[in-house]
Amino acid sequence: MNQPTHIRQINGSVRGALVDYVRPYPDQIRFSLNQMNGSSTWAWSLWRAPEGADLLDSIPFSDEYMQCAGTADALALEVRRLDPDGTAHQYAIGKPGGETTGEPTEVILFDEGRHSTTVYPHEVFTADEAAVVFYTYFLTDQVSQPYQLRELDLSWLTAAPETGAD
């Protein structure tokens, strides 16, 4: 049993330390991802806790993380990183050899179908495939080779709302 170093979040709201009390970390990650059914469990995120954090006292957020959404049979994976100047970039993660021309065609539904994301075919992972990517991220804070990253345009998140006034 190790001192927890990472935080996991389920469905964007339930957070806690990722622990190896029941099974080793790689098996715990795989188990968690295989529980995803798109309904009661539809999103899973992971990030490193700040150095020295007491995860029994508080569960801090991070601006850098890996996340997925969907079902154990079809997950979309993303990673968020910060540049040295603090600028955030979010990327879809894909398997090697995928083509990103044209528009993405694979629709991943989650939250009982209330939400979806559309990705390229090589960006759809099973829970077991995703567990390998997540465990490497757990160890290194990176998405390793041979996986590909496609930057997502999230400018709509920071765009000023229209007022409708002229």
C-alpha atoms as a PDB file:
ATOM      1  CA  MET A   1       0.000   0.000   0.000  1.00  0.00           C
ATOM      2  CA  ASN A   2       1.432   3.346  -1.067  1.00  0.00           C
ATOM      3  CA  GLN A   3       0.799   6.938  -0.016  1.00  0.00           C
ATOM      4  CA  PRO A   4      -1.768   8.301  -2.516  1.00  0.00           C
ATOM      5  CA  THR A   5      -0.258  10.747  -5.029  1.00  0.00           C
ATOM      6  CA  HIS A   6      -3.137  11.199  -7.468  1.00  0.00           C
ATOM      7  CA  ILE A   7      -6.737  12.284  -7.414  1.00  0.00           C
ATOM      8  CA  ARG A   8      -9.486  10.702  -9.452  1.00  0.00           C
ATOM      9  CA  GLN A   9     -12.823  12.290 -10.225  1.00  0.00           C
ATOM     10  CA  ILE A  10     -15.995  10.576 -11.365  1.00  0.00           C
ATOM     11  CA  ASN A  11     -18.659  12.345 -13.448  1.00  0.00           C
ATOM     12  CA  GLY A  12     -17.057  15.718 -12.839  1.00  0.00           C
ATOM     13  CA  SER A  13     -18.153  15.862  -9.221  1.00  0.00           C
ATOM     14  CA  VAL A  14     -17.062  12.984  -6.972  1.00  0.00           C
ATOM     15  CA  ARG A  15     -13.361  13.342  -6.117  1.00  0.00           C
ATOM     16  CA  GLY A  16     -11.037  11.302  -3.993  1.00  0.00           C
ATOM     17  CA  ALA A  17      -7.550   9.894  -3.757  1.00  0.00           C
ATOM     18  CA  LEU A  18      -6.694   7.085  -6.150  1.00  0.00           C
ATOM     19  CA  VAL A  19      -5.656   4.309  -3.809  1.00  0.00           C
ATOM     20  CA  ASP A  20      -4.120   0.858  -4.138  1.00  0.00           C
ATOM     21  CA  TYR A  21      -5.722  -0.609  -1.006  1.00  0.00           C
ATOM     22  CA  VAL A  22      -7.852  -3.186  -2.835  1.00  0.00           C
ATOM     23  CA  ARG A  23      -5.818  -3.734  -6.012  1.00  0.00           C
ATOM     24  CA  PRO A  24      -2.559  -2.339  -7.480  1.00  0.00           C
ATOM     25  CA  TYR A  25      -2.800   1.010  -9.279  1.00  0.00           C
ATOM     26  CA  PRO A  26      -2.815  -0.365 -12.858  1.00  0.00           C
ATOM     27  CA  ASP A  27      -5.581  -2.805 -11.945  1.00  0.00           C
ATOM     28  CA  GLN A  28      -7.535  -0.121 -10.052  1.00  0.00           C
ATOM     29  CA  ILE A  29      -7.436   2.198 -13.070  1.00  0.00           C
ATOM     30  CA  ARG A  30      -8.534  -0.622 -15.409  1.00  0.00           C
ATOM     31  CA  PHE A  31     -11.303  -1.644 -12.980  1.00  0.00           C
ATOM     32  CA  SER A  32     -12.584   1.942 -12.710  1.00  0.00           C
ATOM     33  CA  LEU A  33     -12.649   2.449 -16.479  1.00  0.00           C
ATOM     34  CA  ASN A  34     -14.424  -0.857 -17.019  1.00  0.00           C
ATOM     35  CA  GLN A  35     -17.222   0.378 -14.711  1.00  0.00           C
ATOM     36  CA  MET A  36     -18.085   3.173 -17.143  1.00  0.00           C
ATOM     37  CA  ASN A  37     -21.543   2.598 -18.602  1.00  0.00           C
ATOM     38  CA  GLY A  38     -22.394   6.058 -19.989  1.00  0.00           C
ATOM     39  CA  SER A  39     -25.143   6.443 -17.424  1.00  0.00           C
ATOM     40  CA  SER A  40     -24.271   6.128 -13.719  1.00  0.00           C
ATOM     41  CA  THR A  41     -20.541   6.337 -14.498  1.00  0.00           C
ATOM     42  CA  TRP A  42     -19.749   8.296 -17.646  1.00  0.00           C
ATOM     43  CA  ALA A  43     -16.609  10.381 -16.979  1.00  0.00           C
ATOM     44  CA  TRP A  44     -13.328   9.681 -15.195  1.00  0.00           C
ATOM     45  CA  SER A  45     -10.406  12.069 -14.608  1.00  0.00           C
ATOM     46  CA  LEU A  46      -6.964  11.750 -13.057  1.00  0.00           C
ATOM     47  CA  TRP A  47      -4.385  14.302 -11.890  1.00  0.00           C
ATOM     48  CA  ARG A  48      -1.338  14.440  -9.665  1.00  0.00           C
ATOM     49  CA  ALA A  49      -1.906  15.955  -6.241  1.00  0.00           C
ATOM     50  CA  PRO A  50       0.380  18.828  -5.233  1.00  0.00           C
ATOM     51  CA  GLU A  51       3.597  17.740  -3.539  1.00  0.00           C
ATOM     52  CA  GLY A  52       3.015  17.190   0.179  1.00  0.00           C
ATOM     53  CA  ALA A  53      -0.793  17.373  -0.056  1.00  0.00           C
ATOM     54  CA  ASP A  54      -2.666  15.567   2.697  1.00  0.00           C
ATOM     55  CA  LEU A  55      -5.373  13.828   0.670  1.00  0.00           C
ATOM     56  CA  LEU A  56      -7.191  12.901   3.840  1.00  0.00           C
ATOM     57  CA  ASP A  57      -7.589  16.603   4.609  1.00  0.00           C
ATOM     58  CA  SER A  58      -8.508  18.056   1.195  1.00  0.00           C
ATOM     59  CA  ILE A  59      -8.786  17.029  -2.434  1.00  0.00           C
ATOM     60  CA  PRO A  60      -7.338  19.867  -4.548  1.00  0.00           C
ATOM     61  CA  PHE A  61      -8.141  20.487  -8.203  1.00  0.00           C
ATOM     62  CA  SER A  62      -5.470  20.809 -10.870  1.00  0.00           C
ATOM     63  CA  ASP A  63      -5.246  22.702 -14.145  1.00  0.00           C
ATOM     64  CA  GLU A  64      -3.472  19.698 -15.680  1.00  0.00           C
ATOM     65  CA  TYR A  65      -5.223  16.339 -15.971  1.00  0.00           C
ATOM     66  CA  MET A  66      -6.264  13.422 -18.160  1.00  0.00           C
ATOM     67  CA  GLN A  67      -9.930  12.632 -18.601  1.00  0.00           C
ATOM     68  CA  CYS A  68     -12.254  10.364 -20.527  1.00  0.00           C
ATOM     69  CA  ALA A  69     -15.964  10.093 -21.223  1.00  0.00           C
ATOM     70  CA  GLY A  70     -18.249   7.442 -22.670  1.00  0.00           C
ATOM     71  CA  THR A  71     -18.614   3.740 -21.948  1.00  0.00           C
ATOM     72  CA  ALA A  72     -16.127   0.944 -21.348  1.00  0.00           C
ATOM     73  CA  ASP A  73     -16.596  -0.038 -25.003  1.00  0.00           C
ATOM     74  CA  ALA A  74     -16.104   3.462 -26.462  1.00  0.00           C
ATOM     75  CA  LEU A  75     -14.172   6.171 -24.611  1.00  0.00           C
ATOM     76  CA  ALA A  76     -12.852   9.531 -25.779  1.00  0.00           C
ATOM     77  CA  LEU A  77      -9.609  10.497 -23.984  1.00  0.00           C
ATOM     78  CA  GLU A  78      -8.253  14.004 -23.466  1.00  0.00           C
ATOM     79  CA  VAL A  79      -5.282  15.531 -21.716  1.00  0.00           C
ATOM     80  CA  ARG A  80      -4.929  19.126 -20.523  1.00  0.00           C
ATOM     81  CA  ARG A  81      -1.521  20.761 -20.104  1.00  0.00           C
ATOM     82  CA  LEU A  82      -0.238  24.196 -19.207  1.00  0.00           C
ATOM     83  CA  ASP A  83       2.529  26.039 -21.032  1.00  0.00           C
ATOM     84  CA  PRO A  84       5.243  27.590 -18.832  1.00  0.00           C
ATOM     85  CA  ASP A  85       3.337  30.905 -19.122  1.00  0.00           C
ATOM     86  CA  GLY A  86       0.167  29.259 -17.782  1.00  0.00           C
ATOM     87  CA  THR A  87      -1.691  28.987 -21.098  1.00  0.00           C
ATOM     88  CA  ALA A  88      -3.871  25.869 -21.128  1.00  0.00           C
ATOM     89  CA  HIS A  89      -4.046  23.459 -24.060  1.00  0.00           C
ATOM     90  CA  GLN A  90      -6.384  20.499 -24.303  1.00  0.00           C
ATOM     91  CA  TYR A  91      -5.792  17.569 -26.638  1.00  0.00           C
ATOM     92  CA  ALA A  92      -7.754  14.580 -27.890  1.00  0.00           C
ATOM     93  CA  ILE A  93      -5.648  11.429 -27.600  1.00  0.00           C
ATOM     94  CA  GLY A  94      -5.477   9.017 -30.518  1.00  0.00           C
ATOM     95  CA  LYS A  95      -3.885   5.711 -31.366  1.00  0.00           C
ATOM     96  CA  PRO A  96      -0.973   5.757 -33.827  1.00  0.00           C
ATOM     97  CA  GLY A  97      -1.584   5.899 -37.560  1.00  0.00           C
ATOM     98  CA  GLY A  98      -4.924   7.650 -37.459  1.00  0.00           C
ATOM     99  CA  GLU A  99      -6.028  10.154 -40.049  1.00  0.00           C
ATOM    100  CA  THR A 100      -7.353  13.581 -38.987  1.00  0.00           C
ATOM    101  CA  THR A 101      -8.480  14.977 -42.318  1.00  0.00           C
ATOM    102  CA  GLY A 102     -12.072  16.029 -42.642  1.00  0.00           C
ATOM    103  CA  GLU A 103     -14.426  16.239 -39.713  1.00  0.00           C
ATOM    104  CA  PRO A 104     -14.469  13.683 -36.872  1.00  0.00           C
ATOM    105  CA  THR A 105     -17.186  11.063 -37.343  1.00  0.00           C
ATOM    106  CA  GLU A 106     -17.347   8.928 -34.175  1.00  0.00           C
ATOM    107  CA  VAL A 107     -19.930  10.166 -31.661  1.00  0.00           C
ATOM    108  CA  ILE A 108     -19.279   9.236 -28.026  1.00  0.00           C
ATOM    109  CA  LEU A 109     -22.403   9.670 -25.889  1.00  0.00           C
ATOM    110  CA  PHE A 110     -22.237  10.127 -22.127  1.00  0.00           C
ATOM    111  CA  ASP A 111     -24.347  11.268 -19.157  1.00  0.00           C
ATOM    112  CA  GLU A 112     -27.281   9.136 -20.315  1.00  0.00           C
ATOM    113  CA  GLY A 113     -26.965  10.612 -23.808  1.00  0.00           C
ATOM    114  CA  ARG A 114     -27.382  14.217 -22.640  1.00  0.00           C
ATOM    115  CA  HIS A 115     -23.861  15.031 -23.836  1.00  0.00           C
ATOM    116  CA  SER A 116     -21.585  13.856 -26.592  1.00  0.00           C
ATOM    117  CA  THR A 117     -18.214  14.428 -28.158  1.00  0.00           C
ATOM    118  CA  THR A 118     -17.202  13.624 -31.706  1.00  0.00           C
ATOM    119  CA  VAL A 119     -13.764  12.192 -32.414  1.00  0.00           C
ATOM    120  CA  TYR A 120     -11.885  10.449 -35.204  1.00  0.00           C
ATOM    121  CA  PRO A 121     -12.057   6.625 -35.348  1.00  0.00           C
ATOM    122  CA  HIS A 122      -8.503   6.204 -33.988  1.00  0.00           C
ATOM    123  CA  GLU A 123      -9.467   8.356 -30.971  1.00  0.00           C
ATOM    124  CA  VAL A 124     -11.981   5.778 -29.669  1.00  0.00           C
ATOM    125  CA  PHE A 125     -10.576   3.557 -26.906  1.00  0.00           C
ATOM    126  CA  THR A 126     -11.887   0.582 -24.973  1.00  0.00           C
ATOM    127  CA  ALA A 127     -11.494   0.706 -21.189  1.00  0.00           C
ATOM    128  CA  ASP A 128      -8.560  -1.721 -21.342  1.00  0.00           C
ATOM    129  CA  GLU A 129      -6.796   0.379 -24.000  1.00  0.00           C
ATOM    130  CA  ALA A 130      -7.466   3.571 -22.040  1.00  0.00           C
ATOM    131  CA  ALA A 131      -6.117   1.995 -18.842  1.00  0.00           C
ATOM    132  CA  VAL A 132      -2.675   1.682 -20.454  1.00  0.00           C
ATOM    133  CA  VAL A 133      -2.675   5.387 -21.389  1.00  0.00           C
ATOM    134  CA  PHE A 134      -3.929   6.442 -17.947  1.00  0.00           C
ATOM    135  CA  TYR A 135      -1.390   4.315 -16.086  1.00  0.00           C
ATOM    136  CA  THR A 136       1.480   5.788 -18.105  1.00  0.00           C
ATOM    137  CA  TYR A 137       0.096   9.256 -17.302  1.00  0.00           C
ATOM    138  CA  PHE A 138      -0.088   8.228 -13.623  1.00  0.00           C
ATOM    139  CA  LEU A 139       3.607   7.323 -13.721  1.00  0.00           C
ATOM    140  CA  THR A 140       4.964  10.168 -15.889  1.00  0.00           C
ATOM    141  CA  ASP A 141       2.381  12.998 -16.127  1.00  0.00           C
ATOM    142  CA  GLN A 142       2.665  12.566 -19.907  1.00  0.00           C
ATOM    143  CA  VAL A 143       0.906  10.866 -22.792  1.00  0.00           C
ATOM    144  CA  SER A 144       3.615   8.567 -24.110  1.00  0.00           C
ATOM    145  CA  GLN A 145       4.551   7.563 -27.617  1.00  0.00           C
ATOM    146  CA  PRO A 146       3.129   6.182 -29.842  1.00  0.00           C
ATOM    147  CA  TYR A 147      -0.119   7.976 -28.999  1.00  0.00           C
ATOM    148  CA  GLN A 148      -1.027  11.079 -30.981  1.00  0.00           C
ATOM    149  CA  LEU A 149      -2.340  14.385 -29.643  1.00  0.00           C
ATOM    150  CA  ARG A 150      -4.764  16.619 -31.540  1.00  0.00           C
ATOM    151  CA  GLU A 151      -5.227  20.072 -30.032  1.00  0.00           C
ATOM    152  CA  LEU A 152      -8.840  20.980 -29.387  1.00  0.00           C
ATOM    153  CA  ASP A 153     -10.187  24.439 -30.059  1.00  0.00           C
ATOM    154  CA  LEU A 154     -11.678  25.519 -26.755  1.00  0.00           C
ATOM    155  CA  SER A 155     -11.840  29.215 -27.601  1.00  0.00           C
ATOM    156  CA  TRP A 156     -15.620  29.075 -27.310  1.00  0.00           C
ATOM    157  CA  LEU A 157     -15.163  28.523 -23.558  1.00  0.00           C
ATOM    158  CA  THR A 158     -13.546  31.930 -23.095  1.00  0.00           C
ATOM    159  CA  ALA A 159     -15.443  33.884 -25.729  1.00  0.00           C
ATOM    160  CA  ALA A 160     -17.400  36.838 -24.367  1.00  0.00           C
ATOM    161  CA  PRO A 161     -21.146  36.240 -24.407  1.00  0.00           C
ATOM    162  CA  GLU A 162     -23.136  38.242 -26.900  1.00  0.00           C
ATOM    163  CA  THR A 163     -25.278  40.890 -25.326  1.00  0.00           C
ATOM    164  CA  GLY A 164     -27.627  41.335 -28.251  1.00  0.00           C
ATOM    165  CA  ALA A 165     -27.252  45.133 -27.983  1.00  0.00           C
ATOM    166  CA  ASP A 166     -25.983  47.216 -30.888  1.00  0.00           C
END
